[in-house]
């Protein structure tokens, strides 16, 4: 009778071990798939971030050009004069 119980116990251990291996393998596959999805999303976000950075850079350049244009004219649109030390309000122009 002891040999029969040993055979049954070995079969149960093998079955439980097989189930555990199958679950772990499924988890590994799902984990790999999830990582691929996240990687794809990160690539999309990176492209979007790069486009925003490019637009900000272009806007910064345009704004610098615009400020420089007004500075070389000597007068800003809001009746202020540009000097090396900063911007001052003109006394003879009403704002």
C-alpha atoms as a PDB file:
ATOM      1  CA  UNK A   1       0.000   0.000   0.000  1.00  0.00           C
ATOM      2  CA  UNK A   2       2.886   2.397   0.636  1.00  0.00           C
ATOM      3  CA  UNK A   3       4.098   2.077  -2.955  1.00  0.00           C
ATOM      4  CA  UNK A   4       0.627   2.982  -4.235  1.00  0.00           C
ATOM      5  CA  UNK A   5       0.487   6.101  -2.054  1.00  0.00           C
ATOM      6  CA  UNK A   6       3.954   7.108  -3.200  1.00  0.00           C
ATOM      7  CA  UNK A   7       2.873   6.706  -6.820  1.00  0.00           C
ATOM      8  CA  UNK A   8      -0.272   8.802  -6.219  1.00  0.00           C
ATOM      9  CA  UNK A   9       1.700  11.466  -4.364  1.00  0.00           C
ATOM     10  CA  UNK A  10       4.252  11.633  -7.194  1.00  0.00           C
ATOM     11  CA  UNK A  11       1.437  12.021  -9.743  1.00  0.00           C
ATOM     12  CA  UNK A  12      -0.193  14.819  -7.702  1.00  0.00           C
ATOM     13  CA  UNK A  13       3.122  16.660  -7.284  1.00  0.00           C
ATOM     14  CA  UNK A  14       3.798  16.347 -11.021  1.00  0.00           C
ATOM     15  CA  UNK A  15       0.311  17.625 -11.889  1.00  0.00           C
ATOM     16  CA  UNK A  16       0.555  20.586  -9.507  1.00  0.00           C
ATOM     17  CA  UNK A  17       4.047  21.383 -10.806  1.00  0.00           C
ATOM     18  CA  UNK A  18       2.775  21.257 -14.400  1.00  0.00           C
ATOM     19  CA  UNK A  19      -0.088  23.618 -13.548  1.00  0.00           C
ATOM     20  CA  UNK A  20       2.318  26.066 -11.855  1.00  0.00           C
ATOM     21  CA  UNK A  21       4.670  25.995 -14.862  1.00  0.00           C
ATOM     22  CA  UNK A  22       1.734  26.588 -17.248  1.00  0.00           C
ATOM     23  CA  UNK A  23       0.509  29.573 -15.198  1.00  0.00           C
ATOM     24  CA  UNK A  24       4.005  31.060 -15.019  1.00  0.00           C
ATOM     25  CA  UNK A  25       4.464  30.614 -18.766  1.00  0.00           C
ATOM     26  CA  UNK A  26       1.136  32.357 -19.423  1.00  0.00           C
ATOM     27  CA  UNK A  27       2.142  35.186 -17.069  1.00  0.00           C
ATOM     28  CA  UNK A  28       5.467  35.519 -18.898  1.00  0.00           C
ATOM     29  CA  UNK A  29       3.699  35.786 -22.273  1.00  0.00           C
ATOM     30  CA  UNK A  30       1.176  38.325 -20.943  1.00  0.00           C
ATOM     31  CA  UNK A  31       3.975  40.328 -19.319  1.00  0.00           C
ATOM     32  CA  UNK A  32       5.913  40.431 -22.592  1.00  0.00           C
ATOM     33  CA  UNK A  33       2.796  41.582 -24.461  1.00  0.00           C
ATOM     34  CA  UNK A  34       2.122  44.274 -21.855  1.00  0.00           C
ATOM     35  CA  UNK A  35       5.688  45.528 -22.147  1.00  0.00           C
ATOM     36  CA  UNK A  36       5.321  45.766 -25.927  1.00  0.00           C
ATOM     37  CA  UNK A  37       2.118  47.808 -25.543  1.00  0.00           C
ATOM     38  CA  UNK A  38       3.766  50.169 -23.049  1.00  0.00           C
ATOM     39  CA  UNK A  39       6.821  50.536 -25.291  1.00  0.00           C
ATOM     40  CA  UNK A  40       4.583  51.498 -28.204  1.00  0.00           C
ATOM     41  CA  UNK A  41       2.800  54.101 -26.099  1.00  0.00           C
ATOM     42  CA  UNK A  42       6.105  55.541 -24.899  1.00  0.00           C
ATOM     43  CA  UNK A  43       7.282  55.878 -28.504  1.00  0.00           C
ATOM     44  CA  UNK A  44       4.090  57.764 -29.403  1.00  0.00           C
ATOM     45  CA  UNK A  45       4.507  60.054 -26.386  1.00  0.00           C
ATOM     46  CA  UNK A  46       8.140  60.692 -27.273  1.00  0.00           C
ATOM     47  CA  UNK A  47       7.205  61.735 -30.817  1.00  0.00           C
ATOM     48  CA  UNK A  48       4.520  64.073 -29.453  1.00  0.00           C
ATOM     49  CA  UNK A  49       6.921  65.558 -26.938  1.00  0.00           C
ATOM     50  CA  UNK A  50       9.512  66.120 -29.672  1.00  0.00           C
ATOM     51  CA  UNK A  51       6.938  67.933 -31.820  1.00  0.00           C
ATOM     52  CA  UNK A  52       5.999  70.182 -28.894  1.00  0.00           C
ATOM     53  CA  UNK A  53       9.664  70.941 -28.198  1.00  0.00           C
ATOM     54  CA  UNK A  54      10.189  71.817 -31.878  1.00  0.00           C
ATOM     55  CA  UNK A  55       7.166  74.133 -31.871  1.00  0.00           C
ATOM     56  CA  UNK A  56       8.338  75.844 -28.677  1.00  0.00           C
ATOM     57  CA  UNK A  57      11.797  76.311 -30.186  1.00  0.00           C
ATOM     58  CA  UNK A  58      10.327  77.868 -33.350  1.00  0.00           C
ATOM     59  CA  UNK A  59       8.062  80.106 -31.291  1.00  0.00           C
ATOM     60  CA  UNK A  60      11.001  81.164 -29.131  1.00  0.00           C
ATOM     61  CA  UNK A  61      12.967  82.131 -32.252  1.00  0.00           C
ATOM     62  CA  UNK A  62      10.009  84.052 -33.701  1.00  0.00           C
ATOM     63  CA  UNK A  63       9.447  85.869 -30.431  1.00  0.00           C
ATOM     64  CA  UNK A  64      13.138  86.763 -30.204  1.00  0.00           C
ATOM     65  CA  UNK A  65      12.998  88.104 -33.763  1.00  0.00           C
ATOM     66  CA  UNK A  66       9.865  90.095 -32.964  1.00  0.00           C
ATOM     67  CA  UNK A  67      11.355  91.612 -29.813  1.00  0.00           C
ATOM     68  CA  UNK A  68      14.561  92.414 -31.680  1.00  0.00           C
ATOM     69  CA  UNK A  69      12.533  94.093 -34.438  1.00  0.00           C
ATOM     70  CA  UNK A  70      10.813  96.335 -31.913  1.00  0.00           C
ATOM     71  CA  UNK A  71      14.053  96.961 -30.073  1.00  0.00           C
ATOM     72  CA  UNK A  72      15.820  98.134 -33.235  1.00  0.00           C
ATOM     73  CA  UNK A  73      12.883 100.408 -34.023  1.00  0.00           C
ATOM     74  CA  UNK A  74      13.444 101.900 -30.564  1.00  0.00           C
ATOM     75  CA  UNK A  75       9.810 101.798 -29.641  1.00  0.00           C
ATOM     76  CA  UNK A  76       7.587  99.036 -28.333  1.00  0.00           C
ATOM     77  CA  UNK A  77       3.874  98.864 -29.133  1.00  0.00           C
ATOM     78  CA  UNK A  78       2.953  99.863 -25.587  1.00  0.00           C
ATOM     79  CA  UNK A  79       4.717 103.262 -25.754  1.00  0.00           C
ATOM     80  CA  UNK A  80       7.829 102.081 -23.993  1.00  0.00           C
ATOM     81  CA  UNK A  81      11.368 102.634 -25.172  1.00  0.00           C
ATOM     82  CA  UNK A  82      13.963  99.889 -25.219  1.00  0.00           C
ATOM     83  CA  UNK A  83      17.360 100.716 -23.704  1.00  0.00           C
ATOM     84  CA  UNK A  84      20.360  98.592 -22.879  1.00  0.00           C
ATOM     85  CA  UNK A  85      19.414  98.816 -19.199  1.00  0.00           C
ATOM     86  CA  UNK A  86      15.827  97.767 -19.771  1.00  0.00           C
ATOM     87  CA  UNK A  87      12.508  99.146 -20.934  1.00  0.00           C
ATOM     88  CA  UNK A  88      11.179 102.509 -19.771  1.00  0.00           C
ATOM     89  CA  UNK A  89       7.878 104.258 -20.298  1.00  0.00           C
ATOM     90  CA  UNK A  90       7.905 107.323 -22.518  1.00  0.00           C
ATOM     91  CA  UNK A  91       6.745 110.405 -20.640  1.00  0.00           C
ATOM     92  CA  UNK A  92       5.493 112.261 -23.676  1.00  0.00           C
ATOM     93  CA  UNK A  93       3.268 109.427 -24.967  1.00  0.00           C
ATOM     94  CA  UNK A  94       0.038 108.575 -23.199  1.00  0.00           C
ATOM     95  CA  UNK A  95      -0.514 104.867 -22.765  1.00  0.00           C
END
